[in-house]
């Protein structure tokens, strides 16, 4: 009987190893636009995202939801317009959960602290917001990169050809910030990524028109040292400027609704973010 149990255990371990290798192989051969969505099928990754603390955002700066025309269905955005006319824009990209009130607050913080800038937070889930990790994982897996690109192109049409665009996002949105900067072409002025999946295609990176600030936690099991070092090499090969800021923290350390939120690291990362944008959106 013991031999039978041991044999079953060995088979189970072997199958687990094969599944893990298949997952790794899938990730290695998947475009950056789709890699992060694959993480949502990983139970451990989802467990790193405790359900967000309830929060209702009341805008004190006149923020409002708008509709944006795209090649497909209309998209949604939360926009804050500068008091004085300016062509400076920040595109804000949601975390794992969707365009919830926490992201609206982050957009408004940027609006207030940068000054004389327009800010728009884009809804990449088309109205869906995850309030539990299972919901958020489902929406992230359902996300289509082509639809995301349509939304960004619609936002670029909305802000106009004269706009200078900075992008920022966290987690899922970190990768979307990178992709939006690539889509923006010559209009891109600055790109900030918080623990998001970077672009790996060097030929695509050669078309990047702006500097990038990459913020990550050294305890992150997904956007980890290997991912970051590869990004550094790829950006160097493409001839692009990358600034990396690392913190001894876990994934999503800058999310105030995360129990592992680190206030000190978040404040320092935010200070660097503001300085990065201010130097490039004058």
C-alpha atoms as a PDB file:
ATOM      1  CA  UNK A   1       0.000   0.000   0.000  1.00  0.00           C
ATOM      2  CA  UNK A   2       2.841   2.391   0.889  1.00  0.00           C
ATOM      3  CA  UNK A   3       4.460   1.677  -2.484  1.00  0.00           C
ATOM      4  CA  UNK A   4       1.206   2.537  -4.264  1.00  0.00           C
ATOM      5  CA  UNK A   5       0.885   5.822  -2.347  1.00  0.00           C
ATOM      6  CA  UNK A   6       4.523   6.683  -3.071  1.00  0.00           C
ATOM      7  CA  UNK A   7       4.010   5.955  -6.771  1.00  0.00           C
ATOM      8  CA  UNK A   8       0.922   8.179  -6.868  1.00  0.00           C
ATOM      9  CA  UNK A   9       2.840  10.966  -5.118  1.00  0.00           C
ATOM     10  CA  UNK A  10       5.685  10.737  -7.623  1.00  0.00           C
ATOM     11  CA  UNK A  11       3.260  10.854 -10.558  1.00  0.00           C
ATOM     12  CA  UNK A  12       1.509  13.885  -9.050  1.00  0.00           C
ATOM     13  CA  UNK A  13       4.820  15.690  -8.594  1.00  0.00           C
ATOM     14  CA  UNK A  14       5.849  14.890 -12.147  1.00  0.00           C
ATOM     15  CA  UNK A  15       2.566  16.191 -13.540  1.00  0.00           C
ATOM     16  CA  UNK A  16       2.920  19.365 -11.471  1.00  0.00           C
ATOM     17  CA  UNK A  17       6.417  19.872 -12.865  1.00  0.00           C
ATOM     18  CA  UNK A  18       5.187  19.346 -16.436  1.00  0.00           C
ATOM     19  CA  UNK A  19       2.342  21.807 -15.917  1.00  0.00           C
ATOM     20  CA  UNK A  20       4.739  24.376 -14.493  1.00  0.00           C
ATOM     21  CA  UNK A  21       7.122  23.929 -17.449  1.00  0.00           C
ATOM     22  CA  UNK A  22       4.208  24.305 -19.851  1.00  0.00           C
ATOM     23  CA  UNK A  23       3.148  27.504 -18.075  1.00  0.00           C
ATOM     24  CA  UNK A  24       6.711  28.856 -18.201  1.00  0.00           C
ATOM     25  CA  UNK A  25       6.993  27.962 -21.880  1.00  0.00           C
ATOM     26  CA  UNK A  26       3.676  29.652 -22.599  1.00  0.00           C
ATOM     27  CA  UNK A  27       4.839  32.826 -20.858  1.00  0.00           C
ATOM     28  CA  UNK A  28       8.168  32.787 -22.691  1.00  0.00           C
ATOM     29  CA  UNK A  29       6.446  32.716 -26.068  1.00  0.00           C
ATOM     30  CA  UNK A  30       3.602  35.101 -25.282  1.00  0.00           C
ATOM     31  CA  UNK A  31       3.686  38.800 -26.288  1.00  0.00           C
ATOM     32  CA  UNK A  32       4.027  41.282 -23.429  1.00  0.00           C
ATOM     33  CA  UNK A  33       0.499  42.552 -24.142  1.00  0.00           C
ATOM     34  CA  UNK A  34      -0.923  39.152 -23.127  1.00  0.00           C
ATOM     35  CA  UNK A  35       1.534  37.898 -20.481  1.00  0.00           C
ATOM     36  CA  UNK A  36       0.037  39.722 -17.546  1.00  0.00           C
ATOM     37  CA  UNK A  37      -3.426  38.409 -18.363  1.00  0.00           C
ATOM     38  CA  UNK A  38      -1.998  34.882 -18.075  1.00  0.00           C
ATOM     39  CA  UNK A  39      -0.950  35.628 -14.496  1.00  0.00           C
ATOM     40  CA  UNK A  40      -4.647  35.848 -13.604  1.00  0.00           C
ATOM     41  CA  UNK A  41      -4.933  32.083 -14.121  1.00  0.00           C
ATOM     42  CA  UNK A  42      -2.308  31.561 -11.393  1.00  0.00           C
ATOM     43  CA  UNK A  43      -3.830  30.984  -7.951  1.00  0.00           C
ATOM     44  CA  UNK A  44      -0.758  32.301  -6.128  1.00  0.00           C
ATOM     45  CA  UNK A  45      -0.795  35.507  -8.157  1.00  0.00           C
ATOM     46  CA  UNK A  46      -4.462  36.071  -7.380  1.00  0.00           C
ATOM     47  CA  UNK A  47      -3.869  35.424  -3.677  1.00  0.00           C
ATOM     48  CA  UNK A  48      -1.394  38.329  -3.713  1.00  0.00           C
ATOM     49  CA  UNK A  49      -4.392  40.595  -4.353  1.00  0.00           C
ATOM     50  CA  UNK A  50      -6.570  40.799  -1.213  1.00  0.00           C
ATOM     51  CA  UNK A  51     -10.014  42.233  -1.873  1.00  0.00           C
ATOM     52  CA  UNK A  52      -9.770  46.041  -1.935  1.00  0.00           C
ATOM     53  CA  UNK A  53     -10.893  48.065   1.044  1.00  0.00           C
ATOM     54  CA  UNK A  54     -14.252  49.751   0.283  1.00  0.00           C
ATOM     55  CA  UNK A  55     -13.791  53.367  -0.774  1.00  0.00           C
ATOM     56  CA  UNK A  56     -16.054  55.919  -2.464  1.00  0.00           C
ATOM     57  CA  UNK A  57     -14.269  58.751  -4.240  1.00  0.00           C
ATOM     58  CA  UNK A  58     -15.887  62.182  -4.228  1.00  0.00           C
ATOM     59  CA  UNK A  59     -13.969  64.424  -6.616  1.00  0.00           C
ATOM     60  CA  UNK A  60     -13.056  67.832  -5.226  1.00  0.00           C
ATOM     61  CA  UNK A  61     -11.526  68.938  -8.533  1.00  0.00           C
ATOM     62  CA  UNK A  62     -14.457  68.471 -10.870  1.00  0.00           C
ATOM     63  CA  UNK A  63     -13.535  64.990 -12.084  1.00  0.00           C
ATOM     64  CA  UNK A  64     -16.217  63.350 -14.189  1.00  0.00           C
ATOM     65  CA  UNK A  65     -16.892  60.218 -16.212  1.00  0.00           C
ATOM     66  CA  UNK A  66     -16.965  60.670 -19.989  1.00  0.00           C
ATOM     67  CA  UNK A  67     -17.508  58.583 -23.118  1.00  0.00           C
ATOM     68  CA  UNK A  68     -14.708  58.214 -25.655  1.00  0.00           C
ATOM     69  CA  UNK A  69     -15.280  57.281 -29.286  1.00  0.00           C
ATOM     70  CA  UNK A  70     -13.242  54.303 -30.485  1.00  0.00           C
ATOM     71  CA  UNK A  71     -13.137  52.032 -33.529  1.00  0.00           C
ATOM     72  CA  UNK A  72     -15.433  49.707 -31.572  1.00  0.00           C
ATOM     73  CA  UNK A  73     -17.872  50.457 -28.766  1.00  0.00           C
ATOM     74  CA  UNK A  74     -17.560  53.706 -26.851  1.00  0.00           C
ATOM     75  CA  UNK A  75     -15.038  53.590 -24.004  1.00  0.00           C
ATOM     76  CA  UNK A  76     -15.178  55.182 -20.553  1.00  0.00           C
ATOM     77  CA  UNK A  77     -12.804  57.581 -18.885  1.00  0.00           C
ATOM     78  CA  UNK A  78     -12.555  59.619 -15.688  1.00  0.00           C
ATOM     79  CA  UNK A  79     -11.260  63.054 -16.678  1.00  0.00           C
ATOM     80  CA  UNK A  80      -9.920  66.050 -14.764  1.00  0.00           C
ATOM     81  CA  UNK A  81      -9.333  69.135 -16.875  1.00  0.00           C
ATOM     82  CA  UNK A  82      -6.696  71.742 -16.051  1.00  0.00           C
ATOM     83  CA  UNK A  83      -7.923  75.137 -14.857  1.00  0.00           C
ATOM     84  CA  UNK A  84      -5.742  76.824 -17.488  1.00  0.00           C
ATOM     85  CA  UNK A  85      -5.607  75.473 -21.026  1.00  0.00           C
ATOM     86  CA  UNK A  86      -2.648  73.136 -21.528  1.00  0.00           C
ATOM     87  CA  UNK A  87      -1.635  70.374 -23.906  1.00  0.00           C
ATOM     88  CA  UNK A  88      -0.118  68.330 -21.080  1.00  0.00           C
ATOM     89  CA  UNK A  89      -2.007  65.101 -20.395  1.00  0.00           C
ATOM     90  CA  UNK A  90      -1.534  62.112 -18.108  1.00  0.00           C
ATOM     91  CA  UNK A  91      -3.158  58.806 -19.099  1.00  0.00           C
ATOM     92  CA  UNK A  92      -3.795  56.717 -15.959  1.00  0.00           C
ATOM     93  CA  UNK A  93      -4.208  52.946 -16.204  1.00  0.00           C
ATOM     94  CA  UNK A  94      -6.070  50.843 -13.684  1.00  0.00           C
ATOM     95  CA  UNK A  95      -4.718  48.110 -11.493  1.00  0.00           C
ATOM     96  CA  UNK A  96      -5.921  44.478 -11.500  1.00  0.00           C
ATOM     97  CA  UNK A  97      -9.360  45.534 -10.231  1.00  0.00           C
ATOM     98  CA  UNK A  98     -10.504  47.926 -12.947  1.00  0.00           C
ATOM     99  CA  UNK A  99     -11.290  51.645 -12.953  1.00  0.00           C
ATOM    100  CA  UNK A 100     -12.495  51.752  -9.368  1.00  0.00           C
ATOM    101  CA  UNK A 101     -12.615  54.678  -6.963  1.00  0.00           C
ATOM    102  CA  UNK A 102      -9.095  53.968  -5.713  1.00  0.00           C
ATOM    103  CA  UNK A 103      -7.757  54.666  -9.221  1.00  0.00           C
ATOM    104  CA  UNK A 104      -9.893  57.796  -9.514  1.00  0.00           C
ATOM    105  CA  UNK A 105      -8.265  59.010  -6.297  1.00  0.00           C
ATOM    106  CA  UNK A 106      -4.785  58.304  -7.704  1.00  0.00           C
ATOM    107  CA  UNK A 107      -5.711  60.233 -10.858  1.00  0.00           C
ATOM    108  CA  UNK A 108      -6.896  63.176  -8.770  1.00  0.00           C
ATOM    109  CA  UNK A 109      -3.747  63.117  -6.622  1.00  0.00           C
ATOM    110  CA  UNK A 110      -1.626  63.396  -9.769  1.00  0.00           C
ATOM    111  CA  UNK A 111      -3.839  66.189 -11.044  1.00  0.00           C
ATOM    112  CA  UNK A 112      -3.483  68.174  -7.806  1.00  0.00           C
ATOM    113  CA  UNK A 113       0.225  67.573  -7.255  1.00  0.00           C
ATOM    114  CA  UNK A 114       1.491  68.070 -10.811  1.00  0.00           C
ATOM    115  CA  UNK A 115      -0.455  71.274 -11.472  1.00  0.00           C
ATOM    116  CA  UNK A 116      -1.573  72.626 -14.844  1.00  0.00           C
ATOM    117  CA  UNK A 117      -2.111  69.195 -16.351  1.00  0.00           C
ATOM    118  CA  UNK A 118      -5.118  67.293 -17.662  1.00  0.00           C
ATOM    119  CA  UNK A 119      -5.581  63.758 -16.363  1.00  0.00           C
ATOM    120  CA  UNK A 120      -7.700  60.946 -17.744  1.00  0.00           C
ATOM    121  CA  UNK A 121      -8.054  57.491 -16.204  1.00  0.00           C
ATOM    122  CA  UNK A 122      -9.037  54.989 -18.889  1.00  0.00           C
ATOM    123  CA  UNK A 123     -11.438  52.111 -18.283  1.00  0.00           C
ATOM    124  CA  UNK A 124      -9.754  49.092 -19.876  1.00  0.00           C
ATOM    125  CA  UNK A 125     -12.437  46.643 -18.685  1.00  0.00           C
ATOM    126  CA  UNK A 126     -15.304  48.527 -20.358  1.00  0.00           C
ATOM    127  CA  UNK A 127     -17.374  49.177 -17.254  1.00  0.00           C
ATOM    128  CA  UNK A 128     -16.525  46.018 -15.323  1.00  0.00           C
ATOM    129  CA  UNK A 129     -14.995  46.443 -11.845  1.00  0.00           C
ATOM    130  CA  UNK A 130     -13.747  43.576  -9.740  1.00  0.00           C
ATOM    131  CA  UNK A 131     -14.705  43.760  -6.056  1.00  0.00           C
ATOM    132  CA  UNK A 132     -13.313  40.281  -5.352  1.00  0.00           C
ATOM    133  CA  UNK A 133     -10.105  38.674  -6.594  1.00  0.00           C
ATOM    134  CA  UNK A 134     -12.118  36.090  -8.553  1.00  0.00           C
ATOM    135  CA  UNK A 135     -13.985  38.808 -10.426  1.00  0.00           C
ATOM    136  CA  UNK A 136     -10.810  40.768 -11.138  1.00  0.00           C
ATOM    137  CA  UNK A 137      -8.984  37.649 -12.340  1.00  0.00           C
ATOM    138  CA  UNK A 138     -11.864  36.883 -14.709  1.00  0.00           C
ATOM    139  CA  UNK A 139     -11.872  40.397 -16.171  1.00  0.00           C
ATOM    140  CA  UNK A 140      -8.107  40.454 -16.582  1.00  0.00           C
ATOM    141  CA  UNK A 141      -8.148  37.109 -18.394  1.00  0.00           C
ATOM    142  CA  UNK A 142     -10.931  38.360 -20.674  1.00  0.00           C
ATOM    143  CA  UNK A 143      -9.015  41.533 -21.583  1.00  0.00           C
ATOM    144  CA  UNK A 144      -8.155  41.789 -25.287  1.00  0.00           C
ATOM    145  CA  UNK A 145      -4.996  43.775 -26.180  1.00  0.00           C
ATOM    146  CA  UNK A 146      -6.583  44.937 -29.448  1.00  0.00           C
ATOM    147  CA  UNK A 147      -9.475  46.446 -27.512  1.00  0.00           C
ATOM    148  CA  UNK A 148      -7.023  48.112 -25.156  1.00  0.00           C
ATOM    149  CA  UNK A 149      -5.225  49.654 -28.107  1.00  0.00           C
ATOM    150  CA  UNK A 150      -8.555  50.893 -29.506  1.00  0.00           C
ATOM    151  CA  UNK A 151      -9.273  52.627 -26.201  1.00  0.00           C
ATOM    152  CA  UNK A 152      -5.863  54.319 -26.164  1.00  0.00           C
ATOM    153  CA  UNK A 153      -6.248  55.458 -29.778  1.00  0.00           C
ATOM    154  CA  UNK A 154      -9.684  56.849 -28.916  1.00  0.00           C
ATOM    155  CA  UNK A 155      -8.185  58.733 -25.963  1.00  0.00           C
ATOM    156  CA  UNK A 156      -5.472  60.166 -28.234  1.00  0.00           C
ATOM    157  CA  UNK A 157      -8.170  61.402 -30.589  1.00  0.00           C
ATOM    158  CA  UNK A 158     -10.003  62.909 -27.619  1.00  0.00           C
ATOM    159  CA  UNK A 159      -6.966  64.885 -26.364  1.00  0.00           C
ATOM    160  CA  UNK A 160      -5.904  65.998 -29.839  1.00  0.00           C
ATOM    161  CA  UNK A 161      -2.747  65.832 -31.936  1.00  0.00           C
ATOM    162  CA  UNK A 162      -1.027  68.660 -30.061  1.00  0.00           C
ATOM    163  CA  UNK A 163      -1.225  66.883 -26.717  1.00  0.00           C
ATOM    164  CA  UNK A 164       1.929  65.778 -24.919  1.00  0.00           C
ATOM    165  CA  UNK A 165       1.103  62.552 -23.107  1.00  0.00           C
ATOM    166  CA  UNK A 166       2.540  60.961 -20.002  1.00  0.00           C
ATOM    167  CA  UNK A 167       1.355  57.494 -19.006  1.00  0.00           C
ATOM    168  CA  UNK A 168       1.215  55.704 -15.664  1.00  0.00           C
ATOM    169  CA  UNK A 169      -0.232  52.434 -14.386  1.00  0.00           C
ATOM    170  CA  UNK A 170       0.033  49.845 -11.635  1.00  0.00           C
ATOM    171  CA  UNK A 171       0.116  46.031 -11.911  1.00  0.00           C
ATOM    172  CA  UNK A 172      -1.977  45.218 -15.020  1.00  0.00           C
ATOM    173  CA  UNK A 173      -1.996  48.953 -15.723  1.00  0.00           C
ATOM    174  CA  UNK A 174       1.793  49.144 -15.607  1.00  0.00           C
ATOM    175  CA  UNK A 175       1.968  47.058 -18.768  1.00  0.00           C
ATOM    176  CA  UNK A 176      -0.823  49.135 -20.301  1.00  0.00           C
ATOM    177  CA  UNK A 177       1.148  52.304 -19.536  1.00  0.00           C
ATOM    178  CA  UNK A 178       4.058  50.900 -21.548  1.00  0.00           C
ATOM    179  CA  UNK A 179       1.837  49.893 -24.465  1.00  0.00           C
ATOM    180  CA  UNK A 180       0.064  53.255 -24.481  1.00  0.00           C
ATOM    181  CA  UNK A 181       3.397  55.084 -24.668  1.00  0.00           C
ATOM    182  CA  UNK A 182       4.286  52.980 -27.713  1.00  0.00           C
ATOM    183  CA  UNK A 183       0.898  53.674 -29.326  1.00  0.00           C
ATOM    184  CA  UNK A 184       1.186  57.419 -28.630  1.00  0.00           C
ATOM    185  CA  UNK A 185       4.289  57.637 -30.818  1.00  0.00           C
ATOM    186  CA  UNK A 186       5.706  61.168 -30.991  1.00  0.00           C
ATOM    187  CA  UNK A 187       3.063  62.413 -28.562  1.00  0.00           C
ATOM    188  CA  UNK A 188       4.516  60.296 -25.739  1.00  0.00           C
ATOM    189  CA  UNK A 189       6.531  62.389 -23.274  1.00  0.00           C
ATOM    190  CA  UNK A 190       6.965  60.145 -20.229  1.00  0.00           C
ATOM    191  CA  UNK A 191       6.047  56.617 -19.131  1.00  0.00           C
ATOM    192  CA  UNK A 192       5.812  55.319 -15.555  1.00  0.00           C
ATOM    193  CA  UNK A 193       5.379  51.622 -14.806  1.00  0.00           C
ATOM    194  CA  UNK A 194       4.565  50.334 -11.325  1.00  0.00           C
ATOM    195  CA  UNK A 195       5.313  46.574 -11.165  1.00  0.00           C
ATOM    196  CA  UNK A 196       3.876  45.971 -14.649  1.00  0.00           C
ATOM    197  CA  UNK A 197       4.917  43.792 -17.573  1.00  0.00           C
ATOM    198  CA  UNK A 198       7.337  45.707 -19.838  1.00  0.00           C
ATOM    199  CA  UNK A 199       7.574  45.402 -23.595  1.00  0.00           C
ATOM    200  CA  UNK A 200      10.158  42.766 -24.596  1.00  0.00           C
ATOM    201  CA  UNK A 201      10.317  43.288 -28.369  1.00  0.00           C
ATOM    202  CA  UNK A 202      13.428  45.392 -29.025  1.00  0.00           C
ATOM    203  CA  UNK A 203      12.181  46.485 -32.446  1.00  0.00           C
ATOM    204  CA  UNK A 204       9.020  47.865 -30.824  1.00  0.00           C
ATOM    205  CA  UNK A 205      11.053  49.556 -28.110  1.00  0.00           C
ATOM    206  CA  UNK A 206      13.090  51.319 -30.783  1.00  0.00           C
ATOM    207  CA  UNK A 207       9.896  53.167 -31.702  1.00  0.00           C
ATOM    208  CA  UNK A 208       9.417  54.467 -28.143  1.00  0.00           C
ATOM    209  CA  UNK A 209       9.521  58.259 -28.044  1.00  0.00           C
ATOM    210  CA  UNK A 210       9.967  58.853 -24.306  1.00  0.00           C
ATOM    211  CA  UNK A 211      11.944  57.950 -21.203  1.00  0.00           C
ATOM    212  CA  UNK A 212      10.608  55.294 -18.834  1.00  0.00           C
ATOM    213  CA  UNK A 213      10.528  55.096 -15.025  1.00  0.00           C
ATOM    214  CA  UNK A 214      10.199  51.489 -13.833  1.00  0.00           C
ATOM    215  CA  UNK A 215       9.165  50.966 -10.190  1.00  0.00           C
ATOM    216  CA  UNK A 216       9.106  47.466  -8.703  1.00  0.00           C
ATOM    217  CA  UNK A 217       9.324  45.504  -5.464  1.00  0.00           C
ATOM    218  CA  UNK A 218      12.201  43.082  -4.953  1.00  0.00           C
ATOM    219  CA  UNK A 219       9.864  40.615  -3.201  1.00  0.00           C
ATOM    220  CA  UNK A 220       7.559  40.470  -6.233  1.00  0.00           C
ATOM    221  CA  UNK A 221       7.330  36.912  -7.525  1.00  0.00           C
ATOM    222  CA  UNK A 222       6.141  37.928 -10.997  1.00  0.00           C
ATOM    223  CA  UNK A 223       7.595  41.293 -11.988  1.00  0.00           C
ATOM    224  CA  UNK A 224      10.870  40.145 -10.511  1.00  0.00           C
ATOM    225  CA  UNK A 225      14.624  40.638 -10.881  1.00  0.00           C
ATOM    226  CA  UNK A 226      14.807  38.581 -14.090  1.00  0.00           C
ATOM    227  CA  UNK A 227      12.011  40.591 -15.723  1.00  0.00           C
ATOM    228  CA  UNK A 228      13.580  43.879 -14.644  1.00  0.00           C
ATOM    229  CA  UNK A 229      17.104  43.019 -15.741  1.00  0.00           C
ATOM    230  CA  UNK A 230      15.839  41.835 -19.117  1.00  0.00           C
ATOM    231  CA  UNK A 231      13.943  45.101 -19.508  1.00  0.00           C
ATOM    232  CA  UNK A 232      17.107  47.068 -18.725  1.00  0.00           C
ATOM    233  CA  UNK A 233      19.067  45.136 -21.371  1.00  0.00           C
ATOM    234  CA  UNK A 234      16.323  45.498 -23.976  1.00  0.00           C
ATOM    235  CA  UNK A 235      15.981  49.241 -23.412  1.00  0.00           C
ATOM    236  CA  UNK A 236      19.751  49.665 -23.691  1.00  0.00           C
ATOM    237  CA  UNK A 237      19.757  47.651 -26.920  1.00  0.00           C
ATOM    238  CA  UNK A 238      16.968  49.870 -28.268  1.00  0.00           C
ATOM    239  CA  UNK A 239      18.895  53.000 -27.306  1.00  0.00           C
ATOM    240  CA  UNK A 240      16.235  54.223 -24.868  1.00  0.00           C
ATOM    241  CA  UNK A 241      16.557  55.767 -21.412  1.00  0.00           C
ATOM    242  CA  UNK A 242      15.250  53.761 -18.477  1.00  0.00           C
ATOM    243  CA  UNK A 243      15.309  54.699 -14.792  1.00  0.00           C
ATOM    244  CA  UNK A 244      14.704  51.842 -12.356  1.00  0.00           C
ATOM    245  CA  UNK A 245      13.617  52.324  -8.746  1.00  0.00           C
ATOM    246  CA  UNK A 246      13.471  49.194  -6.602  1.00  0.00           C
ATOM    247  CA  UNK A 247      11.962  48.775  -3.140  1.00  0.00           C
ATOM    248  CA  UNK A 248      12.239  45.922  -0.650  1.00  0.00           C
ATOM    249  CA  UNK A 249       8.540  45.223  -0.945  1.00  0.00           C
ATOM    250  CA  UNK A 250       6.006  42.819  -2.425  1.00  0.00           C
ATOM    251  CA  UNK A 251       3.760  43.190  -5.453  1.00  0.00           C
ATOM    252  CA  UNK A 252       1.200  46.033  -5.217  1.00  0.00           C
ATOM    253  CA  UNK A 253       3.056  47.698  -2.337  1.00  0.00           C
ATOM    254  CA  UNK A 254       1.826  51.127  -3.519  1.00  0.00           C
ATOM    255  CA  UNK A 255      -1.866  50.201  -3.338  1.00  0.00           C
ATOM    256  CA  UNK A 256      -3.425  51.785  -0.217  1.00  0.00           C
ATOM    257  CA  UNK A 257      -6.161  49.130  -0.199  1.00  0.00           C
ATOM    258  CA  UNK A 258      -3.580  46.320   0.028  1.00  0.00           C
ATOM    259  CA  UNK A 259      -2.802  45.018   3.560  1.00  0.00           C
ATOM    260  CA  UNK A 260       0.881  44.912   2.490  1.00  0.00           C
ATOM    261  CA  UNK A 261       0.784  48.571   1.496  1.00  0.00           C
ATOM    262  CA  UNK A 262       4.059  50.276   2.463  1.00  0.00           C
ATOM    263  CA  UNK A 263       3.475  53.968   3.144  1.00  0.00           C
ATOM    264  CA  UNK A 264       7.135  54.990   3.180  1.00  0.00           C
ATOM    265  CA  UNK A 265       8.033  53.207  -0.064  1.00  0.00           C
ATOM    266  CA  UNK A 266       4.855  54.493  -1.715  1.00  0.00           C
ATOM    267  CA  UNK A 267       5.660  58.072  -0.723  1.00  0.00           C
ATOM    268  CA  UNK A 268       9.190  57.791  -2.116  1.00  0.00           C
ATOM    269  CA  UNK A 269       8.003  56.173  -5.343  1.00  0.00           C
ATOM    270  CA  UNK A 270       5.363  58.886  -5.732  1.00  0.00           C
ATOM    271  CA  UNK A 271       7.957  61.627  -5.153  1.00  0.00           C
ATOM    272  CA  UNK A 272      10.080  60.113  -7.937  1.00  0.00           C
ATOM    273  CA  UNK A 273       7.013  59.838 -10.168  1.00  0.00           C
ATOM    274  CA  UNK A 274       6.132  63.508  -9.759  1.00  0.00           C
ATOM    275  CA  UNK A 275       9.714  64.608 -10.434  1.00  0.00           C
ATOM    276  CA  UNK A 276       9.869  62.378 -13.506  1.00  0.00           C
ATOM    277  CA  UNK A 277       6.672  63.826 -14.978  1.00  0.00           C
ATOM    278  CA  UNK A 278       7.501  67.437 -14.089  1.00  0.00           C
ATOM    279  CA  UNK A 279      10.850  67.212 -15.875  1.00  0.00           C
ATOM    280  CA  UNK A 280       9.206  65.959 -19.059  1.00  0.00           C
ATOM    281  CA  UNK A 281       5.839  67.717 -19.132  1.00  0.00           C
ATOM    282  CA  UNK A 282       6.762  71.371 -18.885  1.00  0.00           C
END
